[in-house]
Amino acid sequence: MGTVIEIFVVMLVVGAGAFAPLGYFIYKFGQKNSQPFGETEPHGDSPSFVNELVEKVIALVKSKTSGSKSKS
């Protein structure tokens, strides 16, 4: 009978450890205006060197392809 109680306690500890991240997320989600980690910046609003470089390359390719089509 002692082993059954020990196994129950161990499984209880393992279950609590497994669901602790979920409980933490629910706790944080309920805090600040239903935002899990406070004010976060919307994706894509911050300027990035890579984004600006890619936009320049895309504009260059578009200008080259549209320029070659209009000459024909």
PDB file of N, CA and C in Angstrom:
ATOM      1  N   MET A   1       0.835  -1.206   0.000  1.00  0.00           N
ATOM      2  CA  MET A   1       0.000   0.000   0.000  1.00  0.00           C
ATOM      3  C   MET A   1       0.867   1.252   0.000  1.00  0.00           C
ATOM      4  N   GLY A   2       2.039   1.172   0.606  1.00  0.00           N
ATOM      5  CA  GLY A   2       2.933   2.327   0.653  1.00  0.00           C
ATOM      6  C   GLY A   2       3.446   2.707  -0.728  1.00  0.00           C
ATOM      7  N   THR A   3       3.684   1.710  -1.579  1.00  0.00           N
ATOM      8  CA  THR A   3       4.183   2.018  -2.920  1.00  0.00           C
ATOM      9  C   THR A   3       3.122   2.726  -3.767  1.00  0.00           C
ATOM     10  N   VAL A   4       1.887   2.396  -3.563  1.00  0.00           N
ATOM     11  CA  VAL A   4       0.812   3.061  -4.306  1.00  0.00           C
ATOM     12  C   VAL A   4       0.761   4.541  -3.932  1.00  0.00           C
ATOM     13  N   ILE A   5       0.910   4.840  -2.667  1.00  0.00           N
ATOM     14  CA  ILE A   5       0.897   6.238  -2.212  1.00  0.00           C
ATOM     15  C   ILE A   5       2.122   6.970  -2.747  1.00  0.00           C
ATOM     16  N   GLU A   6       3.280   6.301  -2.739  1.00  0.00           N
ATOM     17  CA  GLU A   6       4.488   6.922  -3.272  1.00  0.00           C
ATOM     18  C   GLU A   6       4.341   7.210  -4.763  1.00  0.00           C
ATOM     19  N   ILE A   7       3.805   6.267  -5.488  1.00  0.00           N
ATOM     20  CA  ILE A   7       3.596   6.476  -6.926  1.00  0.00           C
ATOM     21  C   ILE A   7       2.603   7.603  -7.156  1.00  0.00           C
ATOM     22  N   PHE A   8       1.552   7.689  -6.343  1.00  0.00           N
ATOM     23  CA  PHE A   8       0.576   8.767  -6.464  1.00  0.00           C
ATOM     24  C   PHE A   8       1.235  10.121  -6.244  1.00  0.00           C
ATOM     25  N   VAL A   9       2.079  10.220  -5.235  1.00  0.00           N
ATOM     26  CA  VAL A   9       2.749  11.492  -4.931  1.00  0.00           C
ATOM     27  C   VAL A   9       3.708  11.861  -6.063  1.00  0.00           C
ATOM     28  N   VAL A  10       4.467  10.879  -6.560  1.00  0.00           N
ATOM     29  CA  VAL A  10       5.397  11.149  -7.646  1.00  0.00           C
ATOM     30  C   VAL A  10       4.636  11.604  -8.890  1.00  0.00           C
ATOM     31  N   MET A  11       3.537  10.941  -9.223  1.00  0.00           N
ATOM     32  CA  MET A  11       2.754  11.326 -10.387  1.00  0.00           C
ATOM     33  C   MET A  11       2.131  12.710 -10.208  1.00  0.00           C
ATOM     34  N   LEU A  12       1.763  13.048  -8.999  1.00  0.00           N
ATOM     35  CA  LEU A  12       1.234  14.377  -8.716  1.00  0.00           C
ATOM     36  C   LEU A  12       2.303  15.442  -8.952  1.00  0.00           C
ATOM     37  N   VAL A  13       3.516  15.178  -8.510  1.00  0.00           N
ATOM     38  CA  VAL A  13       4.620  16.128  -8.714  1.00  0.00           C
ATOM     39  C   VAL A  13       4.951  16.244 -10.204  1.00  0.00           C
ATOM     40  N   VAL A  14       4.989  15.118 -10.907  1.00  0.00           N
ATOM     41  CA  VAL A  14       5.276  15.139 -12.343  1.00  0.00           C
ATOM     42  C   VAL A  14       4.173  15.895 -13.095  1.00  0.00           C
ATOM     43  N   GLY A  15       2.931  15.664 -12.746  1.00  0.00           N
ATOM     44  CA  GLY A  15       1.820  16.371 -13.387  1.00  0.00           C
ATOM     45  C   GLY A  15       1.858  17.867 -13.121  1.00  0.00           C
ATOM     46  N   ALA A  16       2.181  18.247 -11.898  1.00  0.00           N
ATOM     47  CA  ALA A  16       2.283  19.673 -11.568  1.00  0.00           C
ATOM     48  C   ALA A  16       3.411  20.313 -12.365  1.00  0.00           C
ATOM     49  N   GLY A  17       4.535  19.607 -12.500  1.00  0.00           N
ATOM     50  CA  GLY A  17       5.645  20.145 -13.284  1.00  0.00           C
ATOM     51  C   GLY A  17       5.318  20.250 -14.764  1.00  0.00           C
ATOM     52  N   ALA A  18       4.543  19.303 -15.269  1.00  0.00           N
ATOM     53  CA  ALA A  18       4.203  19.308 -16.687  1.00  0.00           C
ATOM     54  C   ALA A  18       3.230  20.435 -17.035  1.00  0.00           C
ATOM     55  N   PHE A  19       2.314  20.752 -16.137  1.00  0.00           N
ATOM     56  CA  PHE A  19       1.310  21.772 -16.424  1.00  0.00           C
ATOM     57  C   PHE A  19       1.638  23.135 -15.844  1.00  0.00           C
ATOM     58  N   ALA A  20       2.793  23.276 -15.200  1.00  0.00           N
ATOM     59  CA  ALA A  20       3.186  24.572 -14.649  1.00  0.00           C
ATOM     60  C   ALA A  20       3.336  25.641 -15.723  1.00  0.00           C
ATOM     61  N   PRO A  21       3.965  25.365 -16.881  1.00  0.00           N
ATOM     62  CA  PRO A  21       4.055  26.417 -17.908  1.00  0.00           C
ATOM     63  C   PRO A  21       2.686  26.894 -18.398  1.00  0.00           C
ATOM     64  N   LEU A  22       1.745  25.978 -18.530  1.00  0.00           N
ATOM     65  CA  LEU A  22       0.401  26.358 -18.952  1.00  0.00           C
ATOM     66  C   LEU A  22      -0.255  27.257 -17.910  1.00  0.00           C
ATOM     67  N   GLY A  23      -0.113  26.901 -16.659  1.00  0.00           N
ATOM     68  CA  GLY A  23      -0.670  27.729 -15.589  1.00  0.00           C
ATOM     69  C   GLY A  23      -0.028  29.100 -15.535  1.00  0.00           C
ATOM     70  N   TYR A  24       1.281  29.153 -15.766  1.00  0.00           N
ATOM     71  CA  TYR A  24       1.981  30.441 -15.767  1.00  0.00           C
ATOM     72  C   TYR A  24       1.490  31.314 -16.919  1.00  0.00           C
ATOM     73  N   PHE A  25       1.317  30.704 -18.105  1.00  0.00           N
ATOM     74  CA  PHE A  25       0.831  31.469 -19.250  1.00  0.00           C
ATOM     75  C   PHE A  25      -0.568  32.011 -18.982  1.00  0.00           C
ATOM     76  N   ILE A  26      -1.441  31.202 -18.434  1.00  0.00           N
ATOM     77  CA  ILE A  26      -2.802  31.657 -18.123  1.00  0.00           C
ATOM     78  C   ILE A  26      -2.770  32.780 -17.098  1.00  0.00           C
ATOM     79  N   TYR A  27      -1.894  32.661 -16.113  1.00  0.00           N
ATOM     80  CA  TYR A  27      -1.752  33.700 -15.096  1.00  0.00           C
ATOM     81  C   TYR A  27      -1.277  35.010 -15.727  1.00  0.00           C
ATOM     82  N   LYS A  28      -0.259  34.954 -16.598  1.00  0.00           N
ATOM     83  CA  LYS A  28       0.255  36.159 -17.230  1.00  0.00           C
ATOM     84  C   LYS A  28      -0.754  36.739 -18.220  1.00  0.00           C
ATOM     85  N   PHE A  29      -1.510  35.873 -18.899  1.00  0.00           N
ATOM     86  CA  PHE A  29      -2.485  36.338 -19.874  1.00  0.00           C
ATOM     87  C   PHE A  29      -3.588  37.134 -19.198  1.00  0.00           C
ATOM     88  N   GLY A  30      -3.925  36.787 -17.988  1.00  0.00           N
ATOM     89  CA  GLY A  30      -5.000  37.470 -17.288  1.00  0.00           C
ATOM     90  C   GLY A  30      -4.591  38.756 -16.619  1.00  0.00           C
ATOM     91  N   GLN A  31      -3.321  39.131 -16.707  1.00  0.00           N
ATOM     92  CA  GLN A  31      -2.843  40.300 -15.980  1.00  0.00           C
ATOM     93  C   GLN A  31      -3.102  41.626 -16.692  1.00  0.00           C
ATOM     94  N   LYS A  32      -2.392  41.893 -17.756  1.00  0.00           N
ATOM     95  CA  LYS A  32      -2.373  43.230 -18.348  1.00  0.00           C
ATOM     96  C   LYS A  32      -3.251  43.311 -19.594  1.00  0.00           C
ATOM     97  N   ASN A  33      -4.499  43.632 -19.414  1.00  0.00           N
ATOM     98  CA  ASN A  33      -5.438  43.843 -20.521  1.00  0.00           C
ATOM     99  C   ASN A  33      -5.449  42.670 -21.492  1.00  0.00           C
ATOM    100  N   SER A  34      -5.423  41.483 -20.962  1.00  0.00           N
ATOM    101  CA  SER A  34      -5.447  40.259 -21.759  1.00  0.00           C
ATOM    102  C   SER A  34      -4.282  40.159 -22.732  1.00  0.00           C
ATOM    103  N   GLN A  35      -3.160  40.738 -22.358  1.00  0.00           N
ATOM    104  CA  GLN A  35      -1.938  40.596 -23.145  1.00  0.00           C
ATOM    105  C   GLN A  35      -0.972  39.776 -22.311  1.00  0.00           C
ATOM    106  N   PRO A  36      -0.506  38.649 -22.825  1.00  0.00           N
ATOM    107  CA  PRO A  36       0.239  37.713 -21.991  1.00  0.00           C
ATOM    108  C   PRO A  36       1.528  38.276 -21.417  1.00  0.00           C
ATOM    109  N   PHE A  37       2.225  39.123 -22.137  1.00  0.00           N
ATOM    110  CA  PHE A  37       3.497  39.606 -21.641  1.00  0.00           C
ATOM    111  C   PHE A  37       3.587  41.115 -21.716  1.00  0.00           C
ATOM    112  N   GLY A  38       2.494  41.799 -21.445  1.00  0.00           N
ATOM    113  CA  GLY A  38       2.488  43.248 -21.427  1.00  0.00           C
ATOM    114  C   GLY A  38       2.415  43.829 -22.823  1.00  0.00           C
ATOM    115  N   GLU A  39       2.893  45.036 -22.967  1.00  0.00           N
ATOM    116  CA  GLU A  39       2.870  45.719 -24.259  1.00  0.00           C
ATOM    117  C   GLU A  39       3.977  45.150 -25.138  1.00  0.00           C
ATOM    118  N   THR A  40       3.581  44.538 -26.212  1.00  0.00           N
ATOM    119  CA  THR A  40       4.551  44.036 -27.178  1.00  0.00           C
ATOM    120  C   THR A  40       4.390  44.793 -28.475  1.00  0.00           C
ATOM    121  N   GLU A  41       5.485  44.983 -29.165  1.00  0.00           N
ATOM    122  CA  GLU A  41       5.458  45.738 -30.409  1.00  0.00           C
ATOM    123  C   GLU A  41       4.874  44.870 -31.516  1.00  0.00           C
ATOM    124  N   PRO A  42       3.945  45.405 -32.288  1.00  0.00           N
ATOM    125  CA  PRO A  42       3.399  44.621 -33.397  1.00  0.00           C
ATOM    126  C   PRO A  42       4.503  44.223 -34.367  1.00  0.00           C
ATOM    127  N   HIS A  43       4.351  43.068 -34.931  1.00  0.00           N
ATOM    128  CA  HIS A  43       5.388  42.543 -35.817  1.00  0.00           C
ATOM    129  C   HIS A  43       5.482  43.368 -37.096  1.00  0.00           C
ATOM    130  N   GLY A  44       6.700  43.770 -37.426  1.00  0.00           N
ATOM    131  CA  GLY A  44       6.932  44.469 -38.674  1.00  0.00           C
ATOM    132  C   GLY A  44       6.937  45.977 -38.562  1.00  0.00           C
ATOM    133  N   ASP A  45       6.724  46.543 -37.390  1.00  0.00           N
ATOM    134  CA  ASP A  45       6.706  47.994 -37.263  1.00  0.00           C
ATOM    135  C   ASP A  45       8.100  48.587 -37.077  1.00  0.00           C
ATOM    136  N   SER A  46       9.026  47.813 -36.574  1.00  0.00           N
ATOM    137  CA  SER A  46      10.349  48.358 -36.315  1.00  0.00           C
ATOM    138  C   SER A  46      11.180  48.322 -37.596  1.00  0.00           C
ATOM    139  N   PRO A  47      11.931  49.389 -37.866  1.00  0.00           N
ATOM    140  CA  PRO A  47      12.754  49.393 -39.073  1.00  0.00           C
ATOM    141  C   PRO A  47      13.890  48.381 -38.945  1.00  0.00           C
ATOM    142  N   SER A  48      14.226  47.785 -40.048  1.00  0.00           N
ATOM    143  CA  SER A  48      15.271  46.780 -40.046  1.00  0.00           C
ATOM    144  C   SER A  48      16.160  46.990 -41.257  1.00  0.00           C
ATOM    145  N   PHE A  49      17.459  46.846 -41.072  1.00  0.00           N
ATOM    146  CA  PHE A  49      18.395  46.999 -42.182  1.00  0.00           C
ATOM    147  C   PHE A  49      18.105  45.980 -43.274  1.00  0.00           C
ATOM    148  N   VAL A  50      17.834  44.756 -42.868  1.00  0.00           N
ATOM    149  CA  VAL A  50      17.566  43.694 -43.841  1.00  0.00           C
ATOM    150  C   VAL A  50      16.286  43.987 -44.612  1.00  0.00           C
ATOM    151  N   ASN A  51      15.228  44.423 -43.915  1.00  0.00           N
ATOM    152  CA  ASN A  51      13.964  44.740 -44.604  1.00  0.00           C
ATOM    153  C   ASN A  51      14.153  45.870 -45.606  1.00  0.00           C
ATOM    154  N   GLU A  52      14.884  46.906 -45.216  1.00  0.00           N
ATOM    155  CA  GLU A  52      15.115  48.030 -46.110  1.00  0.00           C
ATOM    156  C   GLU A  52      15.949  47.600 -47.315  1.00  0.00           C
ATOM    157  N   LEU A  53      16.949  46.757 -47.088  1.00  0.00           N
ATOM    158  CA  LEU A  53      17.781  46.268 -48.177  1.00  0.00           C
ATOM    159  C   LEU A  53      16.964  45.434 -49.161  1.00  0.00           C
ATOM    160  N   VAL A  54      16.121  44.566 -48.647  1.00  0.00           N
ATOM    161  CA  VAL A  54      15.285  43.728 -49.512  1.00  0.00           C
ATOM    162  C   VAL A  54      14.294  44.583 -50.286  1.00  0.00           C
ATOM    163  N   GLU A  55      13.725  45.598 -49.655  1.00  0.00           N
ATOM    164  CA  GLU A  55      12.802  46.483 -50.355  1.00  0.00           C
ATOM    165  C   GLU A  55      13.505  47.210 -51.501  1.00  0.00           C
ATOM    166  N   LYS A  56      14.757  47.636 -51.279  1.00  0.00           N
ATOM    167  CA  LYS A  56      15.520  48.299 -52.339  1.00  0.00           C
ATOM    168  C   LYS A  56      15.799  47.342 -53.490  1.00  0.00           C
ATOM    169  N   VAL A  57      16.158  46.100 -53.160  1.00  0.00           N
ATOM    170  CA  VAL A  57      16.434  45.101 -54.197  1.00  0.00           C
ATOM    171  C   VAL A  57      15.169  44.807 -55.000  1.00  0.00           C
ATOM    172  N   ILE A  58      14.040  44.667 -54.320  1.00  0.00           N
ATOM    173  CA  ILE A  58      12.775  44.401 -55.007  1.00  0.00           C
ATOM    174  C   ILE A  58      12.418  45.571 -55.922  1.00  0.00           C
ATOM    175  N   ALA A  59      12.585  46.795 -55.447  1.00  0.00           N
ATOM    176  CA  ALA A  59      12.298  47.969 -56.269  1.00  0.00           C
ATOM    177  C   ALA A  59      13.234  48.023 -57.475  1.00  0.00           C
ATOM    178  N   LEU A  60      14.501  47.669 -57.279  1.00  0.00           N
ATOM    179  CA  LEU A  60      15.454  47.659 -58.384  1.00  0.00           C
ATOM    180  C   LEU A  60      15.074  46.617 -59.427  1.00  0.00           C
ATOM    181  N   VAL A  61      14.709  45.425 -58.966  1.00  0.00           N
ATOM    182  CA  VAL A  61      14.309  44.359 -59.893  1.00  0.00           C
ATOM    183  C   VAL A  61      13.035  44.748 -60.635  1.00  0.00           C
ATOM    184  N   LYS A  62      12.083  45.348 -59.924  1.00  0.00           N
ATOM    185  CA  LYS A  62      10.843  45.774 -60.586  1.00  0.00           C
ATOM    186  C   LYS A  62      11.120  46.839 -61.639  1.00  0.00           C
ATOM    187  N   SER A  63      12.004  47.787 -61.314  1.00  0.00           N
ATOM    188  CA  SER A  63      12.303  48.839 -62.280  1.00  0.00           C
ATOM    189  C   SER A  63      13.041  48.279 -63.488  1.00  0.00           C
ATOM    190  N   LYS A  64      13.926  47.334 -63.269  1.00  0.00           N
ATOM    191  CA  LYS A  64      14.651  46.724 -64.393  1.00  0.00           C
ATOM    192  C   LYS A  64      13.722  45.892 -65.279  1.00  0.00           C
ATOM    193  N   THR A  65      12.842  45.122 -64.663  1.00  0.00           N
ATOM    194  CA  THR A  65      11.947  44.270 -65.462  1.00  0.00           C
ATOM    195  C   THR A  65      10.883  45.097 -66.172  1.00  0.00           C
ATOM    196  N   SER A  66      10.374  46.111 -65.523  1.00  0.00           N
ATOM    197  CA  SER A  66       9.362  46.936 -66.182  1.00  0.00           C
ATOM    198  C   SER A  66      10.002  47.814 -67.246  1.00  0.00           C
ATOM    199  N   GLY A  67      11.234  48.231 -67.036  1.00  0.00           N
ATOM    200  CA  GLY A  67      11.936  49.055 -68.036  1.00  0.00           C
ATOM    201  C   GLY A  67      12.249  48.270 -69.279  1.00  0.00           C
ATOM    202  N   SER A  68      12.605  47.003 -69.152  1.00  0.00           N
ATOM    203  CA  SER A  68      12.944  46.199 -70.329  1.00  0.00           C
ATOM    204  C   SER A  68      11.689  45.851 -71.131  1.00  0.00           C
ATOM    205  N   LYS A  69      10.555  45.740 -70.473  1.00  0.00           N
ATOM    206  CA  LYS A  69       9.320  45.424 -71.176  1.00  0.00           C
ATOM    207  C   LYS A  69       8.799  46.619 -71.957  1.00  0.00           C
ATOM    208  N   SER A  70       9.009  47.807 -71.434  1.00  0.00           N
ATOM    209  CA  SER A  70       8.493  48.994 -72.114  1.00  0.00           C
ATOM    210  C   SER A  70       9.327  49.362 -73.328  1.00  0.00           C
ATOM    211  N   LYS A  71      10.598  48.959 -73.384  1.00  0.00           N
ATOM    212  CA  LYS A  71      11.462  49.261 -74.517  1.00  0.00           C
ATOM    213  C   LYS A  71      11.098  48.427 -75.742  1.00  0.00           C
ATOM    214  N   SER A  72      10.557  47.245 -75.549  1.00  0.00           N
ATOM    215  CA  SER A  72      10.263  46.348 -76.675  1.00  0.00           C
ATOM    216  C   SER A  72       9.140  46.826 -77.524  1.00  0.00           C
TER     217      SER A  72
END
